[in-house]
C-alpha cells in the first residue's frame, strides 16, 4: 500500500511539473508573437515614413496571436500590442498618424509626412 501511495504522489508531482512547463511555454509563445507583431507594425510604419510622400505599403496582421485575440494600436512614436493583459511595445519614428491598425490587411500611405492607415 505504501508503494502505491508513493507511486501516486510521484505521478501527481510529475503532472504538476508538466503543467508548469506547459504554462511557461505558453507564456513564451505569447511574448514572441506579441513582440513579432509589434516589430512588424513599427517597421512597416517607419518604412512608409522614410520612403516619403506618396509611398504606400500593405501590412497584414494575423487574426489571432497564439490562438488568442489581441489589439494593436499605433500612437505617435509607439506601437502597442495588447493581449491577455500584457503589452508589447515598439518605438517608431512616425509622429503623425491617421486611422487605426486592425487584424487583416492594412494599407499604409505617406501623405506629406502623415501616415494614413486604411
N, C-alpha and C. Protein backbone atom coordinates (compact mmCIF):
# COMPACT_ATOMS: atom_id res chain seq x y z
N UNK A 1 0.82 -1.19 0.00
CA UNK A 1 0.00 0.00 0.00
C UNK A 1 0.87 1.26 0.00
N UNK A 2 1.94 1.23 0.77
CA UNK A 2 2.85 2.37 0.83
C UNK A 2 3.48 2.64 -0.54
N UNK A 3 3.81 1.59 -1.25
CA UNK A 3 4.40 1.74 -2.58
C UNK A 3 3.40 2.42 -3.51
N UNK A 4 2.14 2.04 -3.42
CA UNK A 4 1.11 2.64 -4.26
C UNK A 4 0.96 4.13 -3.96
N UNK A 5 0.97 4.51 -2.69
CA UNK A 5 0.85 5.92 -2.31
C UNK A 5 2.04 6.72 -2.83
N UNK A 6 3.23 6.17 -2.70
CA UNK A 6 4.43 6.84 -3.20
C UNK A 6 4.35 6.99 -4.72
N UNK A 7 3.87 5.95 -5.40
CA UNK A 7 3.71 6.00 -6.85
C UNK A 7 2.72 7.09 -7.26
N UNK A 8 1.58 7.15 -6.59
CA UNK A 8 0.56 8.16 -6.91
C UNK A 8 1.11 9.56 -6.65
N UNK A 9 1.83 9.73 -5.56
CA UNK A 9 2.42 11.04 -5.27
C UNK A 9 3.44 11.42 -6.35
N UNK A 10 4.23 10.46 -6.79
CA UNK A 10 5.21 10.72 -7.85
C UNK A 10 4.54 11.13 -9.15
N UNK A 11 3.46 10.46 -9.50
CA UNK A 11 2.71 10.81 -10.71
C UNK A 11 2.11 12.20 -10.57
N UNK A 12 1.56 12.51 -9.40
CA UNK A 12 0.96 13.83 -9.17
C UNK A 12 2.02 14.93 -9.28
N UNK A 13 3.17 14.71 -8.72
CA UNK A 13 4.25 15.71 -8.81
C UNK A 13 4.69 15.88 -10.25
N UNK A 14 4.83 14.79 -10.97
CA UNK A 14 5.21 14.87 -12.39
C UNK A 14 4.17 15.65 -13.19
N UNK A 15 2.90 15.43 -12.89
CA UNK A 15 1.83 16.14 -13.60
C UNK A 15 1.89 17.64 -13.32
N UNK A 16 2.13 18.01 -12.09
CA UNK A 16 2.23 19.43 -11.74
C UNK A 16 3.41 20.07 -12.45
N UNK A 17 4.54 19.40 -12.47
CA UNK A 17 5.73 19.93 -13.15
C UNK A 17 5.46 20.08 -14.64
N UNK A 18 4.80 19.11 -15.25
CA UNK A 18 4.47 19.20 -16.67
C UNK A 18 3.55 20.37 -16.95
N UNK A 19 2.54 20.58 -16.12
CA UNK A 19 1.63 21.70 -16.32
C UNK A 19 2.35 23.03 -16.19
N UNK A 20 3.28 23.13 -15.25
CA UNK A 20 4.05 24.36 -15.11
C UNK A 20 4.89 24.61 -16.36
N UNK A 21 5.49 23.59 -16.91
CA UNK A 21 6.30 23.74 -18.13
C UNK A 21 5.42 24.15 -19.31
N UNK A 22 4.23 23.57 -19.41
CA UNK A 22 3.31 23.94 -20.48
C UNK A 22 2.93 25.41 -20.35
N UNK A 23 2.66 25.86 -19.13
CA UNK A 23 2.34 27.27 -18.90
C UNK A 23 3.51 28.17 -19.28
N UNK A 24 4.72 27.77 -18.95
CA UNK A 24 5.91 28.57 -19.30
C UNK A 24 6.05 28.68 -20.81
N UNK A 25 5.86 27.59 -21.52
CA UNK A 25 5.95 27.61 -22.98
C UNK A 25 4.86 28.49 -23.56
N UNK A 26 3.66 28.41 -23.01
CA UNK A 26 2.54 29.23 -23.48
C UNK A 26 2.84 30.72 -23.29
N UNK A 27 3.38 31.08 -22.16
CA UNK A 27 3.73 32.48 -21.89
C UNK A 27 4.83 32.94 -22.85
N UNK A 28 5.81 32.10 -23.09
CA UNK A 28 6.89 32.45 -24.03
C UNK A 28 6.35 32.63 -25.44
N UNK A 29 5.41 31.78 -25.84
CA UNK A 29 4.83 31.89 -27.18
C UNK A 29 4.05 33.19 -27.31
N UNK A 30 3.26 33.55 -26.28
CA UNK A 30 2.53 34.81 -26.29
C UNK A 30 3.49 35.98 -26.44
N UNK A 31 4.56 35.95 -25.69
CA UNK A 31 5.54 37.03 -25.73
C UNK A 31 6.19 37.13 -27.11
N UNK A 32 6.57 36.01 -27.67
CA UNK A 32 7.20 36.03 -29.00
C UNK A 32 6.24 36.56 -30.06
N UNK A 33 5.00 36.10 -30.03
CA UNK A 33 4.02 36.54 -31.02
C UNK A 33 3.70 38.02 -30.87
N UNK A 34 3.50 38.47 -29.64
CA UNK A 34 3.22 39.89 -29.41
C UNK A 34 4.35 40.78 -29.86
N UNK A 35 5.57 40.38 -29.54
CA UNK A 35 6.75 41.14 -29.94
C UNK A 35 6.91 41.15 -31.46
N UNK A 36 6.66 40.01 -32.08
CA UNK A 36 6.79 39.91 -33.54
C UNK A 36 5.83 40.86 -34.25
N UNK A 37 4.58 40.91 -33.80
CA UNK A 37 3.60 41.80 -34.45
C UNK A 37 3.94 43.26 -34.18
N UNK A 38 4.34 43.59 -32.97
CA UNK A 38 4.73 44.97 -32.67
C UNK A 38 5.92 45.39 -33.53
N UNK A 39 6.91 44.51 -33.67
CA UNK A 39 8.07 44.80 -34.52
C UNK A 39 7.67 45.01 -35.97
N UNK A 40 6.82 44.13 -36.49
CA UNK A 40 6.40 44.22 -37.89
C UNK A 40 5.63 45.50 -38.16
N UNK A 41 4.73 45.86 -37.25
CA UNK A 41 3.94 47.08 -37.44
C UNK A 41 4.83 48.32 -37.38
N UNK A 42 5.72 48.37 -36.40
CA UNK A 42 6.61 49.53 -36.28
C UNK A 42 7.52 49.65 -37.51
N UNK A 43 8.06 48.53 -37.98
CA UNK A 43 8.93 48.55 -39.15
C UNK A 43 8.18 49.00 -40.40
N UNK A 44 6.95 48.55 -40.56
CA UNK A 44 6.15 48.94 -41.73
C UNK A 44 5.84 50.44 -41.69
N UNK A 45 5.46 50.95 -40.53
CA UNK A 45 5.18 52.38 -40.40
C UNK A 45 6.43 53.20 -40.70
N UNK A 46 7.56 52.80 -40.14
CA UNK A 46 8.81 53.53 -40.37
C UNK A 46 9.21 53.51 -41.84
N UNK A 47 9.04 52.37 -42.49
CA UNK A 47 9.39 52.26 -43.91
C UNK A 47 8.58 53.23 -44.75
N UNK A 48 7.28 53.29 -44.49
CA UNK A 48 6.41 54.20 -45.26
C UNK A 48 6.81 55.65 -45.01
N UNK A 49 7.15 55.98 -43.78
CA UNK A 49 7.58 57.34 -43.47
C UNK A 49 8.88 57.68 -44.20
N UNK A 50 9.86 56.80 -44.12
CA UNK A 50 11.18 57.05 -44.69
C UNK A 50 11.13 57.13 -46.22
N UNK A 51 10.28 56.34 -46.84
CA UNK A 51 10.21 56.33 -48.30
C UNK A 51 9.63 57.63 -48.87
N UNK A 52 8.91 58.36 -48.06
CA UNK A 52 8.48 59.69 -48.48
C UNK A 52 7.05 59.77 -49.01
N UNK A 53 6.70 61.00 -49.35
CA UNK A 53 5.35 61.33 -49.80
C UNK A 53 4.92 60.46 -50.98
N UNK A 54 3.72 59.92 -50.87
CA UNK A 54 3.15 59.11 -51.93
C UNK A 54 3.44 57.62 -51.82
N UNK A 55 4.40 57.25 -50.99
CA UNK A 55 4.72 55.83 -50.85
C UNK A 55 3.60 55.12 -50.10
N UNK A 56 3.30 53.90 -50.53
CA UNK A 56 2.23 53.11 -49.92
C UNK A 56 2.70 51.66 -49.79
N UNK A 57 2.24 51.01 -48.74
CA UNK A 57 2.61 49.62 -48.50
C UNK A 57 1.49 48.94 -47.74
N UNK A 58 1.44 47.61 -47.85
CA UNK A 58 0.46 46.84 -47.09
C UNK A 58 1.12 46.18 -45.89
N UNK A 59 0.37 46.14 -44.81
CA UNK A 59 0.78 45.44 -43.60
C UNK A 59 -0.34 44.46 -43.28
N UNK A 60 -0.02 43.18 -43.29
CA UNK A 60 -1.03 42.16 -42.99
C UNK A 60 -0.78 41.65 -41.58
N UNK A 61 -1.78 41.84 -40.73
CA UNK A 61 -1.70 41.39 -39.34
C UNK A 61 -2.58 40.16 -39.16
N UNK A 62 -2.10 39.17 -38.41
CA UNK A 62 -2.88 37.93 -38.24
C UNK A 62 -4.17 38.16 -37.45
N UNK A 63 -5.14 37.29 -37.67
CA UNK A 63 -6.42 37.38 -36.96
C UNK A 63 -6.24 37.09 -35.47
N UNK A 64 -5.35 36.19 -35.15
CA UNK A 64 -5.10 35.79 -33.76
C UNK A 64 -3.59 35.66 -33.54
N UNK A 65 -3.20 35.82 -32.30
CA UNK A 65 -1.82 35.56 -31.90
C UNK A 65 -1.83 34.40 -30.92
N UNK A 66 -1.13 33.35 -31.26
CA UNK A 66 -1.10 32.16 -30.41
C UNK A 66 -2.52 31.72 -30.06
N UNK A 67 -3.40 31.75 -31.05
CA UNK A 67 -4.81 31.35 -30.91
C UNK A 67 -5.59 32.23 -29.94
N UNK A 68 -5.15 33.46 -29.76
CA UNK A 68 -5.84 34.39 -28.85
C UNK A 68 -6.12 35.70 -29.56
N UNK A 69 -7.17 36.38 -29.09
CA UNK A 69 -7.49 37.69 -29.62
C UNK A 69 -6.50 38.72 -29.09
N UNK A 70 -6.31 39.78 -29.85
CA UNK A 70 -5.39 40.83 -29.44
C UNK A 70 -5.83 42.14 -30.08
N UNK A 71 -5.26 43.23 -29.61
CA UNK A 71 -5.46 44.55 -30.20
C UNK A 71 -4.10 45.14 -30.50
N UNK A 72 -4.04 45.89 -31.59
CA UNK A 72 -2.81 46.59 -31.93
C UNK A 72 -3.17 48.04 -32.19
N UNK A 73 -2.41 48.94 -31.57
CA UNK A 73 -2.69 50.37 -31.68
C UNK A 73 -1.40 51.11 -32.02
N UNK A 74 -1.52 52.02 -32.97
CA UNK A 74 -0.38 52.87 -33.33
C UNK A 74 -0.61 54.25 -32.74
N UNK A 75 0.33 54.69 -31.95
CA UNK A 75 0.34 56.03 -31.37
C UNK A 75 1.51 56.79 -32.00
N UNK A 76 1.55 58.10 -31.82
CA UNK A 76 2.76 58.81 -32.26
C UNK A 76 3.99 58.21 -31.55
N UNK A 77 4.93 57.74 -32.37
CA UNK A 77 6.21 57.18 -31.91
C UNK A 77 6.11 55.84 -31.16
N UNK A 78 4.95 55.17 -31.22
CA UNK A 78 4.81 53.92 -30.46
C UNK A 78 3.75 53.01 -31.07
N UNK A 79 4.06 51.71 -31.12
CA UNK A 79 3.07 50.69 -31.48
C UNK A 79 2.91 49.80 -30.26
N UNK A 80 1.64 49.52 -29.89
CA UNK A 80 1.35 48.69 -28.73
C UNK A 80 0.46 47.53 -29.15
N UNK A 81 0.88 46.32 -28.81
CA UNK A 81 0.07 45.13 -28.99
C UNK A 81 -0.39 44.70 -27.60
N UNK A 82 -1.70 44.58 -27.42
CA UNK A 82 -2.27 44.18 -26.13
C UNK A 82 -2.92 42.81 -26.27
N UNK A 83 -2.53 41.93 -25.36
CA UNK A 83 -3.05 40.57 -25.42
C UNK A 83 -3.04 39.98 -24.02
N UNK A 84 -4.22 39.61 -23.55
CA UNK A 84 -4.37 38.96 -22.25
C UNK A 84 -3.65 39.71 -21.13
N UNK A 85 -3.86 41.01 -21.07
CA UNK A 85 -3.30 41.81 -20.00
C UNK A 85 -1.83 42.16 -20.16
N UNK A 86 -1.23 41.77 -21.25
CA UNK A 86 0.18 42.09 -21.49
C UNK A 86 0.29 43.08 -22.63
N UNK A 87 1.23 43.99 -22.52
CA UNK A 87 1.51 44.95 -23.58
C UNK A 87 2.90 44.67 -24.16
N UNK A 88 2.97 44.71 -25.48
CA UNK A 88 4.24 44.57 -26.19
C UNK A 88 4.40 45.84 -27.00
N UNK A 89 5.45 46.60 -26.73
CA UNK A 89 5.61 47.93 -27.33
C UNK A 89 6.86 48.00 -28.18
N UNK A 90 6.75 48.78 -29.26
CA UNK A 90 7.91 49.08 -30.10
C UNK A 90 7.87 50.54 -30.48
N UNK A 91 9.01 51.18 -30.38
CA UNK A 91 9.12 52.59 -30.77
C UNK A 91 9.08 52.68 -32.29
N UNK A 92 8.58 53.82 -32.77
CA UNK A 92 8.54 54.09 -34.20
C UNK A 92 8.91 55.54 -34.43
N UNK A 93 9.32 55.87 -35.63
CA UNK A 93 9.68 57.24 -35.97
C UNK A 93 8.45 58.10 -36.29
N UNK A 94 7.33 57.46 -36.54
CA UNK A 94 6.13 58.14 -37.02
C UNK A 94 5.51 58.99 -35.92
N UNK A 95 5.34 60.27 -36.22
CA UNK A 95 4.71 61.19 -35.27
C UNK A 95 3.27 61.50 -35.65
N UNK A 96 2.98 61.53 -36.95
CA UNK A 96 1.65 61.92 -37.41
C UNK A 96 0.95 60.74 -38.07
N UNK A 97 -0.17 60.33 -37.47
CA UNK A 97 -0.93 59.17 -37.93
C UNK A 97 -2.38 59.54 -38.16
N UNK A 98 -2.99 58.82 -39.07
CA UNK A 98 -4.43 58.93 -39.27
C UNK A 98 -4.96 57.52 -39.52
N UNK A 99 -5.99 57.12 -38.81
CA UNK A 99 -6.54 55.77 -38.96
C UNK A 99 -6.05 54.84 -37.88
N UNK A 100 -6.53 53.60 -37.94
CA UNK A 100 -6.22 52.61 -36.91
C UNK A 100 -5.76 51.31 -37.54
N UNK A 101 -4.81 50.66 -36.90
CA UNK A 101 -4.39 49.33 -37.32
C UNK A 101 -5.43 48.31 -36.88
N UNK A 102 -5.56 47.24 -37.67
CA UNK A 102 -6.51 46.18 -37.34
C UNK A 102 -5.98 44.86 -37.89
N UNK A 103 -6.55 43.77 -37.44
CA UNK A 103 -6.19 42.47 -37.97
C UNK A 103 -6.60 42.43 -39.45
N UNK A 104 -5.82 41.72 -40.23
CA UNK A 104 -6.08 41.66 -41.67
C UNK A 104 -5.17 42.62 -42.41
N UNK A 105 -5.62 43.07 -43.58
CA UNK A 105 -4.81 43.91 -44.44
C UNK A 105 -4.97 45.38 -44.10
N UNK A 106 -3.87 46.04 -43.85
CA UNK A 106 -3.82 47.48 -43.60
C UNK A 106 -3.00 48.11 -44.71
N UNK A 107 -3.52 49.17 -45.30
CA UNK A 107 -2.76 49.92 -46.29
C UNK A 107 -2.19 51.16 -45.60
N UNK A 108 -0.89 51.32 -45.68
CA UNK A 108 -0.19 52.45 -45.07
C UNK A 108 0.28 53.37 -46.19
N UNK A 109 -0.11 54.63 -46.12
CA UNK A 109 0.25 55.59 -47.17
C UNK A 109 0.84 56.84 -46.54
N UNK A 110 1.93 57.31 -47.11
CA UNK A 110 2.56 58.55 -46.66
C UNK A 110 1.96 59.70 -47.47
N UNK A 111 1.25 60.56 -46.78
CA UNK A 111 0.68 61.75 -47.41
C UNK A 111 1.28 62.98 -46.74
N UNK A 112 2.35 63.47 -47.34
CA UNK A 112 3.07 64.64 -46.85
C UNK A 112 3.49 64.49 -45.39
N UNK A 113 4.03 63.31 -45.07
CA UNK A 113 4.55 63.06 -43.73
C UNK A 113 3.53 62.52 -42.75
N UNK A 114 2.26 62.47 -43.13
CA UNK A 114 1.23 61.87 -42.29
C UNK A 114 1.01 60.44 -42.79
N UNK A 115 1.13 59.47 -41.91
CA UNK A 115 0.91 58.09 -42.30
C UNK A 115 -0.58 57.78 -42.13
N UNK A 116 -1.22 57.52 -43.26
CA UNK A 116 -2.66 57.24 -43.28
C UNK A 116 -2.84 55.73 -43.32
N UNK A 117 -3.59 55.21 -42.36
CA UNK A 117 -3.84 53.77 -42.26
C UNK A 117 -5.28 53.50 -42.70
N UNK A 118 -5.43 52.68 -43.74
CA UNK A 118 -6.77 52.31 -44.20
C UNK A 118 -6.87 50.81 -44.35
